[in-house]
Amino acid sequence: MLLSPEIFREYDLRGVVDKDITPAGVEQLGMAFGTYLQDFGLTHCLVGWDSRASSPDYRDALTKGLVSTGIDVIDIGQVTTPIFYFARIHYKIEGGVMITASHNPAEYNGFKLARGQATIYGDEIQKVRQMVEAGQFRRGNGHISHTDPVPAYLQMLGEKIQLGSRPLKVVVDCGNGTPGLFAHDVMTTFGIPEATCLYCTPDPTFPNHHPDPVVAKNLVDLIAAVKEQHADLGIAFDGDGDRIGVVDEQGQILWGDRLMILYWREILAKSPGSPAIIEVKCSQTLYDEVKRLGGVPEFFKTGHSLIKARMRELNAIFTGEMSGHMFFADEYFGYDDAFYAAGRLLRILSHTDQPLSALLADVPTPPSTPEVRIDCPDDQKTSVVQTLLSHYREDPLVSVITVDGLRVVFPHGWGLIRASNTQPALVARAEADTTEHLQEITADLTRQLAQFPFIGSIDWSGE
C-alpha cells in the first residue's frame, strides 16, 4: 500500500506530503474511491482542490485513478471546501473529493471524500482504505471536464444574505489560505466592497500566521487592524474556508460557543423547541442559554461529518463547533460555510445600532481556557483518554460526560480531554466559576496527564 494507513482518520484523510501521501498512492486512492462510488451506482465525481503546493499534483494523480475506473471527473478548480459542497448540490452530483488539509501545517495535505448527502466518515472511510489495500479496482475509461461553480455560489450568497441599512466597517483575515481567492467578491456580494482584507493572497507556506482562527495568536494582526481602523468587527477564515473566527470592535475574540449564542437567539426566536446539538468543547453558558431560549440542548461529539449526520437524525436546523464550524439548515444547506456564517453575523449586526460587544453583554463570561492542543502520538491517544476516564470515574466528587473523550464535571466547573480526529494530539479545554477554580481544574488535569512520559508541558493559555 502506497499510502500510510494512518491517514485514514475519522472523517477525512490527512498526512504529511511525500511521507504519508505520495502521488502514486493518491492514484491508488482514486482507483479505490472510483470503485467505491460505482458500487453505489454513481458514475460522476467532482474534484476540488485548495491552495497547498501539493494539491495540483494530487489532483492530477487522483483524477488519473478515478477515470481509470470509468468515473467521469468534473474538475471545479481551486476552491474552498464549502464551494465544493455547494457544487455538489448545484450540479446534483453525489460523488466528490476535496483535496485539502484545512488548518494543518504546511507540510500536510488530505482528502474529504463525499457520497450521498455529505462527506463519508468512520467505517465508510475504512472501507475505502480496505479497497486500497486489496488493490482490486474496476476498469474503464472515464472522461474529464471542467466547470466553475463560483459565479453561481456568489449569486446564491447574494440571494440568501441581504444586510440591513447600517453600514459596516469590516476587516477580514484569510491567513494566506484558499478563502483569500474569494473574500473580496464575497464581501462585495454582501454589500461591503471596501472591507479590508489581510493576507488574502494564498501562500502554502503561510508566512504571516497559521490559518487557524481557534488559536489566539493567529488573531493578533486582525485584532490590531480592527482597533486601528475602528472597525465594527474582524472576521478570520481557516485554510479551506469552513471555519470562522470573530473579533468584536474592542478587539475581543468571540469564541465559537459565544458566537453561537447570537445565531441561536435569531433562530430560536423563529423556531422554539428546536433540538440543539452542543459540541462537547463548548461552554456551559451556551447550553444554559439555549435552554433558556426554548431550545432542547444535548451534548455531542466533535467533528463536522459526525455533527452533520446527527443534525439529519434530529432534523436540527442549526448547530456549531467551538472551532468555528457553523452549520445552518434553517435558511441554508446544513453544511459548514464560513463565508455564509460571516454573512449571517453581518446581517444580525446590520439590523442593530448596538456594537457587537453589546449584543453579548448580558451573557456571563466564566473564566475558561481556549481550545488547547497537546501533542500526543496517534497510537497513544485512546489509551490516554481511557486511563483518565478510569481515574475520574472513581472520583466521587465529579461526574463524567463520555460522549466524546471525557468532560469531567467538577463542583465549580468542567474540564475536557479528548483525542483529536485530525492530528496527533489531545484536545483540552476547561471552564470554571472563578479564576481560582479554573486553575485548580487545569492543575488537576495536568497532574493526570503528567503520568505519560510522551506528553510535555501544557500551556493552558493556548499560545
Protein backbone atom coordinates (compact mmCIF):
# COMPACT_ATOMS: atom_id res chain seq x y z
CA MET A 1 0.00 0.00 0.00
CA LEU A 2 1.46 3.30 -1.14
CA LEU A 3 -0.50 5.40 1.37
CA SER A 4 0.12 5.31 5.10
CA PRO A 5 -2.91 3.62 6.71
CA GLU A 6 -2.73 6.23 9.48
CA ILE A 7 -4.02 8.96 7.15
CA PHE A 8 -7.48 7.32 7.11
CA ARG A 9 -8.95 9.20 10.05
CA GLU A 10 -12.43 9.51 11.49
CA TYR A 11 -13.89 11.90 8.92
CA ASP A 12 -11.23 12.59 6.34
CA LEU A 13 -7.72 11.65 5.20
CA ARG A 14 -4.72 13.73 6.28
CA GLY A 15 -0.99 13.16 6.31
CA VAL A 16 2.47 14.54 5.55
CA VAL A 17 3.24 15.18 1.89
CA ASP A 18 5.76 12.78 0.31
CA LYS A 19 5.87 10.77 3.54
CA ASP A 20 2.36 9.57 4.27
CA ILE A 21 0.94 10.63 0.91
CA THR A 22 2.63 10.25 -2.50
CA PRO A 23 1.21 10.86 -5.99
CA ALA A 24 1.35 7.12 -6.68
CA GLY A 25 -0.61 6.50 -3.51
CA VAL A 26 -3.14 9.18 -4.45
CA GLU A 27 -3.66 7.47 -7.80
CA GLN A 28 -4.46 4.28 -5.89
CA LEU A 29 -6.87 6.26 -3.74
CA GLY A 30 -8.57 7.49 -6.90
CA MET A 31 -8.93 3.93 -8.18
CA ALA A 32 -10.33 2.77 -4.85
CA PHE A 33 -12.77 5.65 -4.50
CA GLY A 34 -13.87 5.33 -8.12
CA THR A 35 -14.62 1.67 -7.45
CA TYR A 36 -16.38 2.59 -4.21
CA LEU A 37 -18.61 5.14 -5.97
CA GLN A 38 -19.58 2.69 -8.68
CA ASP A 39 -20.51 0.11 -6.05
CA PHE A 40 -23.24 2.61 -5.13
CA GLY A 41 -24.26 3.13 -8.75
CA LEU A 42 -22.53 6.51 -9.15
CA THR A 43 -20.73 7.45 -12.36
CA HIS A 44 -19.50 11.04 -11.75
CA CYS A 45 -17.15 12.64 -9.24
CA LEU A 46 -16.48 16.32 -8.54
CA VAL A 47 -12.88 17.19 -7.70
CA GLY A 48 -11.91 20.42 -5.96
CA TRP A 49 -8.55 21.41 -4.50
CA ASP A 50 -7.11 24.01 -2.18
CA SER A 51 -4.05 26.27 -2.49
CA ARG A 52 -1.47 23.95 -0.92
CA ALA A 53 1.64 23.38 -3.01
CA SER A 54 0.99 19.65 -3.43
CA SER A 55 -2.67 19.97 -4.39
CA PRO A 56 -2.26 20.26 -8.19
CA ASP A 57 -0.09 17.12 -8.35
CA TYR A 58 -2.52 15.26 -6.12
CA ARG A 59 -5.42 16.43 -8.27
CA ASP A 60 -3.73 15.00 -11.36
CA ALA A 61 -2.97 11.69 -9.64
CA LEU A 62 -6.42 11.39 -8.13
CA THR A 63 -8.11 12.19 -11.43
CA LYS A 64 -5.96 9.62 -13.24
CA GLY A 65 -7.04 6.98 -10.75
CA LEU A 66 -10.72 7.92 -10.91
CA VAL A 67 -11.02 7.92 -14.70
CA SER A 68 -9.17 4.60 -14.93
CA THR A 69 -12.15 3.01 -13.19
CA GLY A 70 -14.66 4.54 -15.60
CA ILE A 71 -15.67 7.50 -13.42
CA ASP A 72 -16.28 10.82 -15.20
CA VAL A 73 -14.46 13.60 -13.33
CA ILE A 74 -15.66 17.20 -13.15
CA ASP A 75 -12.79 19.43 -12.03
CA ILE A 76 -14.19 22.54 -10.32
CA GLY A 77 -10.77 24.12 -9.79
CA GLN A 78 -9.17 25.73 -6.77
CA VAL A 79 -11.99 26.35 -4.31
CA THR A 80 -12.85 26.43 -0.63
CA THR A 81 -14.38 23.32 0.87
CA PRO A 82 -17.83 24.99 1.18
CA ILE A 83 -17.75 25.91 -2.52
CA PHE A 84 -17.05 22.23 -3.17
CA TYR A 85 -20.07 21.33 -1.01
CA PHE A 86 -22.21 23.84 -2.90
CA ALA A 87 -21.07 22.49 -6.27
CA ARG A 88 -22.30 19.00 -5.38
CA ILE A 89 -25.76 20.44 -4.72
CA HIS A 90 -25.70 22.85 -7.66
CA TYR A 91 -24.67 20.20 -10.20
CA LYS A 92 -26.61 17.39 -8.46
CA ILE A 93 -23.55 15.14 -8.25
CA GLU A 94 -23.23 12.96 -5.15
CA GLY A 95 -19.66 11.77 -5.56
CA GLY A 96 -16.79 14.11 -4.81
CA VAL A 97 -13.29 14.62 -3.45
CA MET A 98 -11.98 17.83 -1.92
CA ILE A 99 -8.19 17.93 -1.71
CA THR A 100 -7.34 19.89 1.43
CA ALA A 101 -5.70 19.64 4.84
CA SER A 102 -7.69 22.59 6.18
CA HIS A 103 -5.71 24.20 9.02
CA ASN A 104 -2.96 21.57 9.31
CA PRO A 105 0.67 22.72 8.95
CA ALA A 106 2.07 23.47 5.51
CA GLU A 107 3.69 20.05 5.11
CA TYR A 108 0.29 18.32 5.26
CA ASN A 109 -2.41 17.61 2.72
CA GLY A 110 -5.52 15.49 2.71
CA PHE A 111 -8.82 14.46 1.19
CA LYS A 112 -12.50 14.78 2.06
CA LEU A 113 -14.49 12.05 0.34
CA ALA A 114 -18.15 12.66 -0.44
CA ARG A 115 -21.02 10.37 -1.31
CA GLY A 116 -24.72 10.86 -0.82
CA GLN A 117 -25.77 13.76 1.36
CA ALA A 118 -22.35 14.60 2.81
CA THR A 119 -18.74 13.52 3.26
CA ILE A 120 -18.23 9.94 4.39
CA TYR A 121 -16.72 9.14 7.78
CA GLY A 122 -15.94 6.34 10.20
CA ASP A 123 -16.49 2.86 8.80
CA GLU A 124 -17.07 4.14 5.27
CA ILE A 125 -13.60 5.72 5.19
CA GLN A 126 -12.16 2.44 6.43
CA LYS A 127 -13.93 0.64 3.56
CA VAL A 128 -12.03 2.84 1.12
CA ARG A 129 -8.78 2.05 2.96
CA GLN A 130 -9.51 -1.66 2.69
CA MET A 131 -10.13 -1.27 -1.04
CA VAL A 132 -6.78 0.47 -1.43
CA GLU A 133 -5.10 -2.36 0.45
CA ALA A 134 -6.86 -5.05 -1.60
CA GLY A 135 -5.81 -3.42 -4.86
CA GLN A 136 -8.78 -4.77 -6.80
CA PHE A 137 -10.26 -1.94 -8.81
CA ARG A 138 -12.79 -1.54 -11.60
CA ARG A 139 -11.50 -0.70 -15.05
CA GLY A 140 -12.97 1.75 -17.52
CA ASN A 141 -12.39 4.93 -19.49
CA GLY A 142 -13.82 7.93 -17.73
CA HIS A 143 -13.73 11.48 -19.06
CA ILE A 144 -12.52 14.76 -17.56
CA SER A 145 -14.38 18.07 -17.81
CA HIS A 146 -14.00 21.42 -16.11
CA THR A 147 -16.53 23.85 -14.71
CA ASP A 148 -16.59 26.91 -12.46
CA PRO A 149 -19.22 26.95 -9.68
CA VAL A 150 -18.06 30.26 -8.19
CA PRO A 151 -20.43 32.63 -10.07
CA ALA A 152 -23.43 30.52 -9.05
CA TYR A 153 -22.11 30.34 -5.49
CA LEU A 154 -21.76 34.12 -5.23
CA GLN A 155 -25.23 34.62 -6.69
CA MET A 156 -26.64 32.21 -4.12
CA LEU A 157 -24.95 34.06 -1.25
CA GLY A 158 -26.33 37.36 -2.50
CA GLU A 159 -29.84 35.94 -2.59
CA LYS A 160 -29.64 34.45 0.89
CA ILE A 161 -27.84 37.30 2.70
CA GLN A 162 -29.28 40.80 2.48
CA LEU A 163 -27.98 43.27 5.03
CA GLY A 164 -29.88 45.98 6.83
CA SER A 165 -29.38 49.72 6.46
CA ARG A 166 -26.48 50.08 8.91
CA PRO A 167 -23.14 50.47 7.09
CA LEU A 168 -20.44 48.19 8.47
CA LYS A 169 -16.69 48.54 8.54
CA VAL A 170 -15.15 45.07 8.36
CA VAL A 171 -11.64 43.62 8.44
CA VAL A 172 -11.14 40.14 7.01
CA ASP A 173 -8.11 37.89 7.62
CA CYS A 174 -7.65 34.93 5.29
CA GLY A 175 -4.29 33.81 6.66
CA ASN A 176 -2.94 33.21 3.12
CA GLY A 177 -5.38 30.33 2.78
CA THR A 178 -7.72 29.49 -0.10
CA PRO A 179 -10.54 31.83 1.07
CA GLY A 180 -8.35 34.74 0.04
CA LEU A 181 -9.20 33.99 -3.59
CA PHE A 182 -12.85 34.78 -2.96
CA ALA A 183 -13.09 37.04 0.11
CA HIS A 184 -13.31 40.35 -1.77
CA ASP A 185 -16.03 39.07 -4.11
CA VAL A 186 -17.97 37.61 -1.20
CA MET A 187 -17.82 40.84 0.79
CA THR A 188 -18.81 42.79 -2.32
CA THR A 189 -21.75 40.45 -2.76
CA PHE A 190 -22.78 41.22 0.81
CA GLY A 191 -22.58 44.95 0.03
CA ILE A 192 -19.25 45.66 1.75
CA PRO A 193 -16.81 46.11 -1.15
CA GLU A 194 -14.48 48.30 0.93
CA ALA A 195 -13.77 45.57 3.52
CA THR A 196 -10.09 45.44 4.42
CA CYS A 197 -8.53 42.08 3.62
CA LEU A 198 -5.42 40.85 5.44
CA TYR A 199 -3.28 38.12 3.88
CA CYS A 200 -5.68 37.41 1.04
CA THR A 201 -3.04 36.13 -1.35
CA PRO A 202 -2.86 32.35 -1.00
CA ASP A 203 0.59 31.15 0.02
CA PRO A 204 1.02 27.49 1.03
CA THR A 205 3.92 28.39 3.35
CA PHE A 206 1.57 30.54 5.48
CA PRO A 207 4.23 33.23 6.01
CA ASN A 208 2.23 35.56 8.28
CA HIS A 209 0.39 33.23 10.63
CA HIS A 210 -1.28 29.86 10.55
CA PRO A 211 -4.83 29.90 9.09
CA ASP A 212 -6.47 28.53 12.22
CA PRO A 213 -8.81 31.04 13.94
CA VAL A 214 -9.22 28.90 17.06
CA VAL A 215 -5.67 29.84 18.16
CA ALA A 216 -5.49 33.29 19.76
CA LYS A 217 -2.02 34.16 18.44
CA ASN A 218 -3.33 33.77 14.88
CA LEU A 219 -5.77 36.63 15.50
CA VAL A 220 -3.23 39.18 16.77
CA ASP A 221 -2.96 41.03 13.45
CA LEU A 222 -6.73 41.01 12.96
CA ILE A 223 -7.25 42.48 16.43
CA ALA A 224 -4.70 45.20 15.74
CA ALA A 225 -6.30 46.10 12.41
CA VAL A 226 -9.80 46.27 13.92
CA LYS A 227 -8.61 48.65 16.62
CA GLU A 228 -6.52 50.76 14.26
CA GLN A 229 -9.33 51.14 11.72
CA HIS A 230 -12.10 51.46 14.33
CA ALA A 231 -13.89 48.65 12.52
CA ASP A 232 -17.18 47.16 13.62
CA LEU A 233 -15.68 43.67 13.66
CA GLY A 234 -12.98 41.42 12.30
CA ILE A 235 -13.57 38.05 10.63
CA ALA A 236 -10.98 35.31 10.14
CA PHE A 237 -11.24 32.22 7.96
CA ASP A 238 -9.34 28.97 8.23
CA GLY A 239 -7.28 27.42 5.46
CA ASP A 240 -10.13 25.87 3.48
CA GLY A 241 -12.94 28.25 4.42
CA ASP A 242 -15.24 26.10 6.52
CA ARG A 243 -14.42 27.72 9.90
CA ILE A 244 -14.93 31.27 11.10
CA GLY A 245 -13.22 33.35 13.78
CA VAL A 246 -14.64 36.66 15.01
CA VAL A 247 -13.23 39.70 16.83
CA ASP A 248 -15.54 42.43 18.13
CA GLU A 249 -14.99 46.17 17.82
CA GLN A 250 -13.00 46.20 21.07
CA GLY A 251 -10.61 43.55 19.82
CA GLN A 252 -12.09 40.81 21.98
CA ILE A 253 -12.29 37.32 20.49
CA LEU A 254 -15.74 35.76 20.22
CA TRP A 255 -15.02 32.07 20.53
CA GLY A 256 -17.34 29.72 18.70
CA ASP A 257 -19.61 28.98 21.64
CA ARG A 258 -20.32 32.65 22.32
CA LEU A 259 -20.82 33.34 18.62
CA MET A 260 -23.40 30.56 18.52
CA ILE A 261 -25.47 32.37 21.13
CA LEU A 262 -26.01 35.22 18.67
CA TYR A 263 -27.12 32.81 15.98
CA TRP A 264 -29.33 30.81 18.36
CA ARG A 265 -31.10 33.96 19.54
CA GLU A 266 -32.14 34.71 15.98
CA ILE A 267 -33.01 31.11 15.12
CA LEU A 268 -34.87 30.03 18.27
CA ALA A 269 -36.99 33.18 18.18
CA LYS A 270 -38.44 31.77 14.94
CA SER A 271 -38.25 28.06 15.81
CA PRO A 272 -38.73 27.49 19.56
CA GLY A 273 -38.41 23.90 20.75
CA SER A 274 -35.76 23.03 18.17
CA PRO A 275 -33.19 20.35 19.04
CA ALA A 276 -29.81 21.91 19.74
CA ILE A 277 -26.60 19.91 19.45
CA ILE A 278 -23.97 21.31 21.82
CA GLU A 279 -20.47 20.22 20.88
CA VAL A 280 -18.66 18.80 23.90
CA LYS A 281 -15.97 21.53 23.94
CA CYS A 282 -18.50 24.33 24.34
CA SER A 283 -19.26 26.45 27.39
CA GLN A 284 -21.94 25.50 29.88
CA THR A 285 -23.16 29.05 29.24
CA LEU A 286 -24.16 28.08 25.70
CA TYR A 287 -26.05 25.04 26.96
CA ASP A 288 -27.88 27.11 29.56
CA GLU A 289 -28.69 29.94 27.13
CA VAL A 290 -30.10 27.57 24.50
CA LYS A 291 -32.30 26.03 27.16
CA ARG A 292 -33.44 29.49 28.32
CA LEU A 293 -34.29 30.43 24.74
CA GLY A 294 -36.54 27.40 24.39
CA GLY A 295 -34.20 25.02 22.61
CA VAL A 296 -33.63 21.39 23.55
CA PRO A 297 -29.85 21.02 24.06
CA GLU A 298 -27.81 17.82 24.04
CA PHE A 299 -24.04 17.34 24.22
CA PHE A 300 -22.48 15.61 21.22
CA LYS A 301 -19.18 14.69 19.62
CA THR A 302 -16.72 16.96 17.86
CA GLY A 303 -16.34 16.52 14.09
CA HIS A 304 -18.07 18.14 11.12
CA SER A 305 -19.15 14.88 9.50
CA LEU A 306 -20.42 13.44 12.77
CA ILE A 307 -22.35 16.59 13.64
CA LYS A 308 -23.91 16.90 10.20
CA ALA A 309 -25.07 13.28 10.43
CA ARG A 310 -26.56 13.93 13.88
CA MET A 311 -28.31 17.03 12.55
CA ARG A 312 -30.00 14.92 9.88
CA GLU A 313 -31.06 12.38 12.51
CA LEU A 314 -32.67 15.07 14.67
CA ASN A 315 -33.84 17.30 11.82
CA ALA A 316 -31.89 20.05 13.60
CA ILE A 317 -31.79 23.46 11.97
CA PHE A 318 -28.52 24.81 13.39
CA THR A 319 -25.50 23.93 15.43
CA GLY A 320 -21.82 24.70 15.54
CA GLU A 321 -18.46 23.79 16.99
CA MET A 322 -16.12 25.62 19.32
CA SER A 323 -13.58 25.57 16.48
CA GLY A 324 -15.75 27.80 14.29
CA HIS A 325 -17.64 25.30 12.14
CA MET A 326 -21.22 26.65 11.86
CA PHE A 327 -23.96 24.51 10.35
CA PHE A 328 -27.07 26.37 9.20
CA ALA A 329 -30.01 24.31 7.96
CA ASP A 330 -32.75 26.87 8.60
CA GLU A 331 -32.06 29.05 5.57
CA TYR A 332 -29.03 27.20 4.16
CA PHE A 333 -27.92 23.69 3.18
CA GLY A 334 -26.77 22.37 6.56
CA TYR A 335 -23.04 22.27 5.83
CA ASP A 336 -20.30 24.44 7.34
CA ASP A 337 -19.52 27.52 5.26
CA ALA A 338 -17.56 30.31 6.92
CA PHE A 339 -18.50 32.85 4.26
CA TYR A 340 -22.19 32.19 4.85
CA ALA A 341 -21.66 32.24 8.64
CA ALA A 342 -19.99 35.63 8.21
CA GLY A 343 -22.97 36.81 6.22
CA ARG A 344 -25.39 35.74 8.93
CA LEU A 345 -23.37 37.64 11.54
CA LEU A 346 -23.18 40.73 9.34
CA ARG A 347 -26.93 40.55 8.82
CA ILE A 348 -27.54 40.48 12.57
CA LEU A 349 -25.18 43.39 13.18
CA SER A 350 -26.54 45.46 10.28
CA HIS A 351 -30.03 45.42 11.81
CA THR A 352 -28.99 46.95 15.13
CA ASP A 353 -27.34 50.15 16.26
CA GLN A 354 -25.51 48.35 19.05
CA PRO A 355 -21.84 47.38 18.77
CA LEU A 356 -21.08 43.68 18.56
CA SER A 357 -19.71 43.61 22.11
CA ALA A 358 -23.02 44.90 23.48
CA LEU A 359 -25.03 42.09 21.89
CA LEU A 360 -23.50 39.62 24.32
CA ALA A 361 -23.11 41.92 27.31
CA ASP A 362 -25.85 40.07 29.20
CA VAL A 363 -24.18 36.66 28.77
CA PRO A 364 -21.92 35.50 31.61
CA THR A 365 -18.26 35.10 30.77
CA PRO A 366 -16.92 32.46 33.15
CA PRO A 367 -13.13 32.10 33.21
CA SER A 368 -12.06 29.49 30.67
CA THR A 369 -9.15 28.28 28.62
CA PRO A 370 -9.13 28.35 24.84
CA GLU A 371 -9.08 25.07 22.96
CA VAL A 372 -5.64 23.66 23.74
CA ARG A 373 -3.91 21.05 21.59
CA ILE A 374 -1.47 18.76 23.39
CA ASP A 375 0.98 16.78 21.27
CA CYS A 376 0.33 13.06 21.65
CA PRO A 377 1.25 10.15 19.34
CA ASP A 378 -1.71 8.87 17.34
CA ASP A 379 -1.27 5.36 18.70
CA GLN A 380 -1.39 6.61 22.31
CA LYS A 381 -4.36 8.99 22.24
CA THR A 382 -7.04 6.43 23.02
CA SER A 383 -5.14 4.83 25.89
CA VAL A 384 -4.50 8.24 27.50
CA VAL A 385 -8.20 9.09 27.40
CA GLN A 386 -9.17 5.68 28.77
CA THR A 387 -6.69 5.94 31.61
CA LEU A 388 -8.02 9.34 32.63
CA LEU A 389 -11.58 8.10 32.31
CA SER A 390 -10.87 5.22 34.69
CA HIS A 391 -9.37 7.64 37.20
CA TYR A 392 -12.19 10.16 37.18
CA ARG A 393 -14.92 7.53 37.31
CA GLU A 394 -13.53 6.55 40.70
CA ASP A 395 -13.70 10.14 42.00
CA PRO A 396 -16.95 10.65 43.96
CA LEU A 397 -16.68 14.45 43.70
CA VAL A 398 -17.02 14.59 39.90
CA SER A 399 -19.24 13.26 37.14
CA VAL A 400 -18.12 12.41 33.61
CA ILE A 401 -19.79 13.02 30.24
CA THR A 402 -18.33 10.44 27.82
CA VAL A 403 -19.97 11.36 24.54
CA ASP A 404 -16.52 12.25 23.14
CA GLY A 405 -13.46 11.64 25.30
CA LEU A 406 -14.27 12.81 28.79
CA ARG A 407 -15.83 16.04 30.00
CA VAL A 408 -15.23 15.99 33.74
CA VAL A 409 -17.82 18.00 35.67
CA PHE A 410 -16.22 19.32 38.85
CA PRO A 411 -18.16 21.08 41.65
CA HIS A 412 -17.22 24.51 40.24
CA GLY A 413 -16.64 23.92 36.54
CA TRP A 414 -15.55 21.34 33.99
CA GLY A 415 -12.51 20.10 32.09
CA LEU A 416 -12.31 18.24 28.79
CA ILE A 417 -9.78 15.83 27.36
CA ARG A 418 -10.47 14.15 24.00
CA ALA A 419 -8.47 12.69 21.15
CA SER A 420 -8.15 14.86 18.07
CA ASN A 421 -9.57 13.25 14.94
CA THR A 422 -7.28 15.20 12.63
CA GLN A 423 -3.88 15.49 14.33
CA PRO A 424 -1.54 13.53 16.64
CA ALA A 425 -2.84 15.48 19.59
CA LEU A 426 -5.22 15.61 22.51
CA VAL A 427 -7.70 18.46 22.68
CA ALA A 428 -8.30 20.05 26.07
CA ARG A 429 -10.42 22.84 27.46
CA ALA A 430 -11.65 23.93 30.88
CA GLU A 431 -14.10 26.39 32.41
CA ALA A 432 -14.98 27.40 35.97
CA ASP A 433 -16.93 29.92 38.01
CA THR A 434 -13.76 31.68 39.26
CA THR A 435 -10.17 32.03 38.12
CA GLU A 436 -9.00 30.12 41.19
CA HIS A 437 -11.28 27.19 40.47
CA LEU A 438 -10.17 27.21 36.83
CA GLN A 439 -6.55 26.94 37.96
CA GLU A 440 -7.49 24.05 40.22
CA ILE A 441 -9.18 22.20 37.35
CA THR A 442 -6.32 22.71 34.90
CA ALA A 443 -3.81 21.70 37.58
CA ASP A 444 -5.79 18.52 38.24
CA LEU A 445 -5.88 17.64 34.54
CA THR A 446 -2.17 18.46 34.19
CA ARG A 447 -1.31 16.12 37.07
CA GLN A 448 -3.20 13.28 35.44
CA LEU A 449 -1.54 13.86 32.05
CA ALA A 450 1.94 14.10 33.64
CA GLN A 451 1.99 10.33 34.17
CA PHE A 452 2.54 9.87 30.43
CA PRO A 453 6.22 10.50 29.52
CA PHE A 454 5.45 11.38 25.89
CA ILE A 455 3.28 14.36 26.91
CA GLY A 456 5.25 17.51 27.56
CA SER A 457 4.37 20.72 29.35
CA ILE A 458 0.89 22.11 28.73
CA ASP A 459 0.28 25.79 28.03
CA TRP A 460 -3.32 26.35 29.04
CA SER A 461 -3.21 29.84 27.54
CA GLY A 462 -3.19 28.21 24.08
CA GLU A 463 -0.29 30.35 22.92
